[in-house]
């Protein structure tokens, strides 16, 4: 079982890696979230590279995505699952492009974390507004 910080970081890494190209803007966004979000106030930011590497190692296994998602789902409360989905959306939006692979992983995360439609719709709208250019 992961602690809440690792579980949230795993979700962000999964989204960033979903298109097989972890962009610097995505990695920068992850770092910024971990440094500034109140939920991470008691997290040692120096552990971020180790947590990201552990996630990458999990994802590289035969059932890596399923294993990682199961670990995340089993580690988070309902409200933290919604937070995880919100963070997933933030990472997907960070480069202002949404690729099919990112849309797919967002659907998988939403389903696996059992984020209800009302909450998901609200989170998606909030991120769309945050990243709108006009």
N, C-alpha and C. Protein backbone atom coordinates (compact mmCIF):
# COMPACT_ATOMS: atom_id res chain seq x y z
N UNK A 1 0.84 -1.18 0.00
CA UNK A 1 0.00 0.00 0.00
C UNK A 1 0.89 1.24 0.00
N UNK A 2 0.49 2.22 -0.78
CA UNK A 2 1.22 3.48 -0.88
C UNK A 2 0.70 4.47 0.15
N UNK A 3 1.55 5.41 0.55
CA UNK A 3 1.02 6.51 1.36
C UNK A 3 0.32 7.48 0.42
N UNK A 4 -0.44 8.42 0.97
CA UNK A 4 -1.25 9.31 0.13
C UNK A 4 -0.40 10.12 -0.84
N UNK A 5 0.78 10.54 -0.39
CA UNK A 5 1.63 11.34 -1.26
C UNK A 5 2.12 10.51 -2.46
N UNK A 6 2.60 9.32 -2.18
CA UNK A 6 3.09 8.47 -3.27
C UNK A 6 1.95 8.14 -4.24
N UNK A 7 0.77 7.85 -3.72
CA UNK A 7 -0.37 7.52 -4.57
C UNK A 7 -0.69 8.66 -5.52
N UNK A 8 -0.69 9.87 -5.02
CA UNK A 8 -0.99 11.03 -5.86
C UNK A 8 0.12 11.28 -6.88
N UNK A 9 1.35 11.07 -6.47
CA UNK A 9 2.48 11.23 -7.40
C UNK A 9 2.41 10.15 -8.48
N UNK A 10 2.07 8.93 -8.10
CA UNK A 10 1.93 7.85 -9.10
C UNK A 10 0.93 8.25 -10.17
N UNK A 11 -0.20 8.80 -9.77
CA UNK A 11 -1.23 9.22 -10.74
C UNK A 11 -0.66 10.26 -11.70
N UNK A 12 0.04 11.24 -11.16
CA UNK A 12 0.59 12.29 -12.02
C UNK A 12 1.64 11.73 -12.98
N UNK A 13 2.48 10.84 -12.50
CA UNK A 13 3.50 10.22 -13.35
C UNK A 13 2.84 9.38 -14.44
N UNK A 14 1.79 8.63 -14.09
CA UNK A 14 1.10 7.80 -15.08
C UNK A 14 0.55 8.65 -16.22
N UNK A 15 -0.02 9.79 -15.89
CA UNK A 15 -0.57 10.66 -16.94
C UNK A 15 0.57 11.24 -17.78
N UNK A 16 1.61 11.72 -17.12
CA UNK A 16 2.74 12.31 -17.86
C UNK A 16 3.40 11.29 -18.78
N UNK A 17 3.45 10.04 -18.36
CA UNK A 17 4.10 8.98 -19.15
C UNK A 17 3.17 8.33 -20.16
N UNK A 18 1.90 8.68 -20.15
CA UNK A 18 0.91 7.97 -20.98
C UNK A 18 1.19 8.08 -22.48
N UNK A 19 1.81 9.16 -22.90
CA UNK A 19 2.11 9.32 -24.33
C UNK A 19 3.56 8.95 -24.65
N UNK A 20 4.21 8.29 -23.70
CA UNK A 20 5.59 7.83 -23.84
C UNK A 20 6.60 8.97 -23.98
N UNK A 21 6.17 10.18 -23.64
CA UNK A 21 7.02 11.36 -23.76
C UNK A 21 6.73 12.29 -22.60
N UNK A 22 7.48 12.12 -21.51
CA UNK A 22 7.27 12.98 -20.35
C UNK A 22 7.90 14.33 -20.63
N UNK A 23 7.06 15.29 -20.91
CA UNK A 23 7.52 16.63 -21.29
C UNK A 23 7.99 17.40 -20.06
N UNK A 24 8.92 18.31 -20.30
CA UNK A 24 9.46 19.08 -19.17
C UNK A 24 8.37 19.90 -18.49
N UNK A 25 7.39 20.38 -19.24
CA UNK A 25 6.30 21.15 -18.63
C UNK A 25 5.48 20.26 -17.69
N UNK A 26 5.31 19.00 -18.04
CA UNK A 26 4.57 18.07 -17.17
C UNK A 26 5.37 17.79 -15.90
N UNK A 27 6.66 17.54 -16.06
CA UNK A 27 7.51 17.29 -14.89
C UNK A 27 7.59 18.53 -14.00
N UNK A 28 7.68 19.68 -14.61
CA UNK A 28 7.71 20.94 -13.86
C UNK A 28 6.40 21.14 -13.10
N UNK A 29 5.28 20.81 -13.74
CA UNK A 29 3.98 20.94 -13.09
C UNK A 29 3.87 20.00 -11.90
N UNK A 30 4.35 18.78 -12.06
CA UNK A 30 4.35 17.83 -10.95
C UNK A 30 5.17 18.40 -9.78
N UNK A 31 6.36 18.88 -10.08
CA UNK A 31 7.21 19.47 -9.04
C UNK A 31 6.54 20.64 -8.35
N UNK A 32 5.90 21.49 -9.12
CA UNK A 32 5.22 22.66 -8.56
C UNK A 32 4.06 22.25 -7.67
N UNK A 33 3.29 21.27 -8.11
CA UNK A 33 2.17 20.78 -7.31
C UNK A 33 2.67 20.23 -5.98
N UNK A 34 3.71 19.43 -6.04
CA UNK A 34 4.25 18.81 -4.82
C UNK A 34 4.83 19.87 -3.88
N UNK A 35 5.43 20.90 -4.44
CA UNK A 35 6.03 21.95 -3.61
C UNK A 35 4.99 22.89 -3.00
N UNK A 36 3.86 23.11 -3.69
CA UNK A 36 2.95 24.17 -3.28
C UNK A 36 1.57 23.75 -2.79
N UNK A 37 1.13 22.56 -3.13
CA UNK A 37 -0.21 22.13 -2.71
C UNK A 37 -0.20 21.82 -1.21
N UNK A 38 -1.13 22.38 -0.45
CA UNK A 38 -1.15 22.14 1.00
C UNK A 38 -1.15 20.66 1.39
N UNK A 39 -1.74 19.82 0.58
CA UNK A 39 -1.78 18.38 0.86
C UNK A 39 -0.37 17.78 0.97
N UNK A 40 0.59 18.40 0.28
CA UNK A 40 1.97 17.90 0.30
C UNK A 40 2.86 18.63 1.31
N UNK A 41 2.26 19.44 2.17
CA UNK A 41 3.04 20.24 3.12
C UNK A 41 3.96 19.39 3.99
N UNK A 42 3.54 18.18 4.31
CA UNK A 42 4.36 17.31 5.17
C UNK A 42 5.13 16.26 4.36
N UNK A 43 5.25 16.47 3.07
CA UNK A 43 6.00 15.56 2.19
C UNK A 43 7.39 16.13 1.96
N UNK A 44 8.40 15.28 2.03
CA UNK A 44 9.77 15.66 1.76
C UNK A 44 9.97 15.68 0.24
N UNK A 45 10.03 16.87 -0.34
CA UNK A 45 10.14 17.03 -1.79
C UNK A 45 11.38 16.32 -2.34
N UNK A 46 12.38 16.17 -1.52
CA UNK A 46 13.58 15.45 -1.94
C UNK A 46 13.33 13.99 -2.28
N UNK A 47 12.19 13.48 -1.83
CA UNK A 47 11.83 12.08 -2.13
C UNK A 47 11.12 11.93 -3.48
N UNK A 48 10.78 13.06 -4.11
CA UNK A 48 10.03 13.01 -5.36
C UNK A 48 10.71 12.15 -6.44
N UNK A 49 12.02 12.32 -6.69
CA UNK A 49 12.65 11.47 -7.71
C UNK A 49 12.56 9.97 -7.39
N UNK A 50 12.71 9.61 -6.13
CA UNK A 50 12.61 8.19 -5.74
C UNK A 50 11.19 7.67 -5.93
N UNK A 51 10.21 8.48 -5.58
CA UNK A 51 8.81 8.08 -5.75
C UNK A 51 8.48 7.92 -7.23
N UNK A 52 8.95 8.86 -8.05
CA UNK A 52 8.71 8.78 -9.49
C UNK A 52 9.39 7.55 -10.08
N UNK A 53 10.59 7.26 -9.62
CA UNK A 53 11.31 6.08 -10.12
C UNK A 53 10.60 4.79 -9.72
N UNK A 54 10.09 4.73 -8.49
CA UNK A 54 9.34 3.55 -8.05
C UNK A 54 8.10 3.35 -8.91
N UNK A 55 7.45 4.45 -9.26
CA UNK A 55 6.28 4.37 -10.14
C UNK A 55 6.69 3.85 -11.51
N UNK A 56 7.77 4.39 -12.07
CA UNK A 56 8.25 3.95 -13.38
C UNK A 56 8.60 2.47 -13.37
N UNK A 57 9.22 2.01 -12.30
CA UNK A 57 9.56 0.58 -12.18
C UNK A 57 8.30 -0.27 -12.14
N UNK A 58 7.29 0.18 -11.43
CA UNK A 58 6.02 -0.54 -11.38
C UNK A 58 5.38 -0.59 -12.76
N UNK A 59 5.35 0.55 -13.44
CA UNK A 59 4.74 0.62 -14.76
C UNK A 59 5.46 -0.26 -15.78
N UNK A 60 6.74 -0.50 -15.57
CA UNK A 60 7.53 -1.29 -16.51
C UNK A 60 7.28 -2.80 -16.39
N UNK A 61 6.57 -3.22 -15.36
CA UNK A 61 6.29 -4.65 -15.20
C UNK A 61 5.15 -5.07 -16.12
N UNK A 62 4.94 -6.39 -16.20
CA UNK A 62 3.94 -6.92 -17.13
C UNK A 62 2.55 -6.33 -16.93
N UNK A 63 2.07 -6.26 -15.73
CA UNK A 63 0.75 -5.68 -15.44
C UNK A 63 0.92 -4.36 -14.70
N UNK A 64 1.90 -3.60 -15.12
CA UNK A 64 2.30 -2.40 -14.40
C UNK A 64 1.21 -1.39 -14.16
N UNK A 65 0.47 -1.05 -15.20
CA UNK A 65 -0.58 -0.05 -15.06
C UNK A 65 -1.65 -0.53 -14.08
N UNK A 66 -2.07 -1.77 -14.23
CA UNK A 66 -3.08 -2.32 -13.31
C UNK A 66 -2.57 -2.35 -11.88
N UNK A 67 -1.33 -2.78 -11.71
CA UNK A 67 -0.75 -2.84 -10.37
C UNK A 67 -0.68 -1.46 -9.74
N UNK A 68 -0.21 -0.48 -10.52
CA UNK A 68 -0.09 0.88 -10.00
C UNK A 68 -1.47 1.45 -9.65
N UNK A 69 -2.44 1.26 -10.53
CA UNK A 69 -3.78 1.78 -10.26
C UNK A 69 -4.44 1.09 -9.08
N UNK A 70 -4.23 -0.21 -8.94
CA UNK A 70 -4.76 -0.92 -7.78
C UNK A 70 -4.14 -0.37 -6.49
N UNK A 71 -2.84 -0.15 -6.51
CA UNK A 71 -2.16 0.40 -5.32
C UNK A 71 -2.69 1.77 -4.97
N UNK A 72 -2.88 2.60 -5.99
CA UNK A 72 -3.40 3.95 -5.76
C UNK A 72 -4.82 3.87 -5.19
N UNK A 73 -5.68 3.10 -5.85
CA UNK A 73 -7.09 3.00 -5.42
C UNK A 73 -7.19 2.49 -3.99
N UNK A 74 -6.36 1.53 -3.63
CA UNK A 74 -6.40 0.96 -2.28
C UNK A 74 -5.80 1.87 -1.22
N UNK A 75 -5.10 2.91 -1.66
CA UNK A 75 -4.39 3.79 -0.73
C UNK A 75 -5.12 5.10 -0.43
N UNK A 76 -6.16 5.41 -1.22
CA UNK A 76 -6.79 6.71 -1.10
C UNK A 76 -8.25 6.64 -0.65
N UNK A 77 -8.64 7.62 0.15
CA UNK A 77 -10.04 7.77 0.53
C UNK A 77 -10.80 8.33 -0.68
N UNK A 78 -12.13 8.39 -0.58
CA UNK A 78 -12.95 8.92 -1.67
C UNK A 78 -12.53 10.34 -2.04
N UNK A 79 -12.36 11.20 -1.05
CA UNK A 79 -12.01 12.59 -1.35
C UNK A 79 -10.62 12.69 -1.96
N UNK A 80 -9.70 11.84 -1.54
CA UNK A 80 -8.36 11.86 -2.13
C UNK A 80 -8.36 11.24 -3.52
N UNK A 81 -9.32 10.36 -3.80
CA UNK A 81 -9.45 9.83 -5.16
C UNK A 81 -9.89 10.95 -6.10
N UNK A 82 -10.78 11.80 -5.64
CA UNK A 82 -11.18 12.95 -6.44
C UNK A 82 -10.00 13.90 -6.63
N UNK A 83 -9.20 14.09 -5.60
CA UNK A 83 -8.00 14.91 -5.70
C UNK A 83 -7.04 14.30 -6.73
N UNK A 84 -6.89 12.98 -6.70
CA UNK A 84 -6.02 12.30 -7.66
C UNK A 84 -6.49 12.56 -9.09
N UNK A 85 -7.79 12.49 -9.30
CA UNK A 85 -8.32 12.75 -10.64
C UNK A 85 -8.08 14.21 -11.03
N UNK A 86 -8.26 15.11 -10.10
CA UNK A 86 -7.99 16.54 -10.37
C UNK A 86 -6.53 16.75 -10.75
N UNK A 87 -5.62 16.10 -10.05
CA UNK A 87 -4.20 16.22 -10.37
C UNK A 87 -3.89 15.59 -11.72
N UNK A 88 -4.54 14.48 -12.04
CA UNK A 88 -4.37 13.85 -13.35
C UNK A 88 -4.77 14.83 -14.45
N UNK A 89 -5.88 15.51 -14.25
CA UNK A 89 -6.35 16.49 -15.23
C UNK A 89 -5.35 17.64 -15.38
N UNK A 90 -4.80 18.10 -14.26
CA UNK A 90 -3.82 19.18 -14.30
C UNK A 90 -2.60 18.80 -15.14
N UNK A 91 -2.11 17.58 -14.95
CA UNK A 91 -0.93 17.14 -15.69
C UNK A 91 -1.26 16.99 -17.17
N UNK A 92 -2.42 16.43 -17.48
CA UNK A 92 -2.83 16.29 -18.88
C UNK A 92 -2.95 17.65 -19.56
N UNK A 93 -3.38 18.66 -18.83
CA UNK A 93 -3.58 19.99 -19.40
C UNK A 93 -2.31 20.84 -19.42
N UNK A 94 -1.28 20.41 -18.73
CA UNK A 94 -0.09 21.24 -18.54
C UNK A 94 0.54 21.71 -19.84
N UNK A 95 0.55 20.86 -20.87
CA UNK A 95 1.16 21.27 -22.14
C UNK A 95 0.14 21.85 -23.11
N UNK A 96 -1.08 22.05 -22.62
CA UNK A 96 -2.17 22.65 -23.39
C UNK A 96 -2.57 21.84 -24.62
N UNK A 97 -2.22 20.56 -24.60
CA UNK A 97 -2.63 19.63 -25.66
C UNK A 97 -3.14 18.37 -24.98
N UNK A 98 -4.18 17.80 -25.52
CA UNK A 98 -4.71 16.56 -24.95
C UNK A 98 -4.63 15.47 -26.01
N UNK A 99 -3.72 14.54 -25.79
CA UNK A 99 -3.51 13.44 -26.73
C UNK A 99 -4.47 12.30 -26.42
N UNK A 100 -4.70 11.44 -27.42
CA UNK A 100 -5.59 10.29 -27.23
C UNK A 100 -5.12 9.42 -26.06
N UNK A 101 -3.82 9.24 -25.94
CA UNK A 101 -3.30 8.42 -24.84
C UNK A 101 -3.63 9.03 -23.49
N UNK A 102 -3.60 10.36 -23.41
CA UNK A 102 -3.94 11.03 -22.16
C UNK A 102 -5.43 10.93 -21.88
N UNK A 103 -6.25 11.08 -22.92
CA UNK A 103 -7.69 10.94 -22.72
C UNK A 103 -8.02 9.53 -22.23
N UNK A 104 -7.33 8.55 -22.79
CA UNK A 104 -7.58 7.17 -22.39
C UNK A 104 -7.18 6.93 -20.94
N UNK A 105 -6.01 7.40 -20.53
CA UNK A 105 -5.57 7.18 -19.15
C UNK A 105 -6.47 7.94 -18.19
N UNK A 106 -6.96 9.11 -18.58
CA UNK A 106 -7.90 9.84 -17.72
C UNK A 106 -9.19 9.04 -17.53
N UNK A 107 -9.69 8.42 -18.59
CA UNK A 107 -10.89 7.58 -18.48
C UNK A 107 -10.64 6.40 -17.56
N UNK A 108 -9.48 5.78 -17.71
CA UNK A 108 -9.13 4.62 -16.87
C UNK A 108 -9.03 5.04 -15.41
N UNK A 109 -8.35 6.15 -15.15
CA UNK A 109 -8.20 6.64 -13.77
C UNK A 109 -9.56 6.96 -13.18
N UNK A 110 -10.37 7.67 -13.93
CA UNK A 110 -11.71 8.04 -13.45
C UNK A 110 -12.51 6.81 -13.06
N UNK A 111 -12.48 5.80 -13.90
CA UNK A 111 -13.23 4.57 -13.63
C UNK A 111 -12.63 3.79 -12.45
N UNK A 112 -11.31 3.61 -12.47
CA UNK A 112 -10.66 2.80 -11.44
C UNK A 112 -10.77 3.44 -10.07
N UNK A 113 -10.74 4.77 -10.02
CA UNK A 113 -10.85 5.46 -8.73
C UNK A 113 -12.29 5.74 -8.33
N UNK A 114 -13.22 5.32 -9.19
CA UNK A 114 -14.65 5.45 -8.92
C UNK A 114 -15.05 6.90 -8.64
N UNK A 115 -14.55 7.80 -9.48
CA UNK A 115 -14.92 9.21 -9.36
C UNK A 115 -16.28 9.36 -10.02
N UNK A 116 -17.26 9.85 -9.26
CA UNK A 116 -18.62 9.93 -9.80
C UNK A 116 -18.71 11.01 -10.87
N UNK A 117 -19.75 10.91 -11.69
CA UNK A 117 -19.90 11.78 -12.85
C UNK A 117 -19.99 13.25 -12.48
N UNK A 118 -20.70 13.57 -11.43
CA UNK A 118 -20.86 14.97 -11.03
C UNK A 118 -19.51 15.57 -10.64
N UNK A 119 -18.77 14.86 -9.82
CA UNK A 119 -17.46 15.36 -9.39
C UNK A 119 -16.50 15.44 -10.58
N UNK A 120 -16.49 14.42 -11.42
CA UNK A 120 -15.60 14.41 -12.57
C UNK A 120 -15.92 15.55 -13.52
N UNK A 121 -17.19 15.75 -13.79
CA UNK A 121 -17.58 16.84 -14.69
C UNK A 121 -17.15 18.20 -14.14
N UNK A 122 -17.32 18.40 -12.85
CA UNK A 122 -16.93 19.67 -12.22
C UNK A 122 -15.42 19.87 -12.30
N UNK A 123 -14.67 18.82 -12.01
CA UNK A 123 -13.21 18.92 -12.07
C UNK A 123 -12.73 19.18 -13.49
N UNK A 124 -13.32 18.49 -14.45
CA UNK A 124 -12.94 18.68 -15.85
C UNK A 124 -13.23 20.11 -16.31
N UNK A 125 -14.38 20.63 -15.92
CA UNK A 125 -14.75 22.00 -16.30
C UNK A 125 -13.79 23.00 -15.66
N UNK A 126 -13.45 22.79 -14.41
CA UNK A 126 -12.53 23.70 -13.71
C UNK A 126 -11.16 23.73 -14.40
N UNK A 127 -10.66 22.59 -14.80
CA UNK A 127 -9.37 22.55 -15.48
C UNK A 127 -9.47 23.19 -16.85
N UNK A 128 -10.56 22.93 -17.55
CA UNK A 128 -10.75 23.55 -18.88
C UNK A 128 -10.75 25.08 -18.76
N UNK A 129 -11.40 25.59 -17.74
CA UNK A 129 -11.44 27.04 -17.52
C UNK A 129 -10.05 27.57 -17.17
N UNK A 130 -9.37 26.84 -16.30
CA UNK A 130 -8.02 27.26 -15.87
C UNK A 130 -7.05 27.39 -17.04
N UNK A 131 -7.17 26.50 -18.01
CA UNK A 131 -6.22 26.47 -19.12
C UNK A 131 -6.75 27.10 -20.39
N UNK A 132 -7.93 27.71 -20.34
CA UNK A 132 -8.50 28.37 -21.53
C UNK A 132 -7.64 29.57 -21.91
N UNK A 133 -7.58 29.82 -23.19
CA UNK A 133 -6.77 30.95 -23.67
C UNK A 133 -7.63 32.11 -24.15
N UNK A 134 -8.93 31.89 -24.22
CA UNK A 134 -9.80 32.99 -24.64
C UNK A 134 -11.09 32.97 -23.87
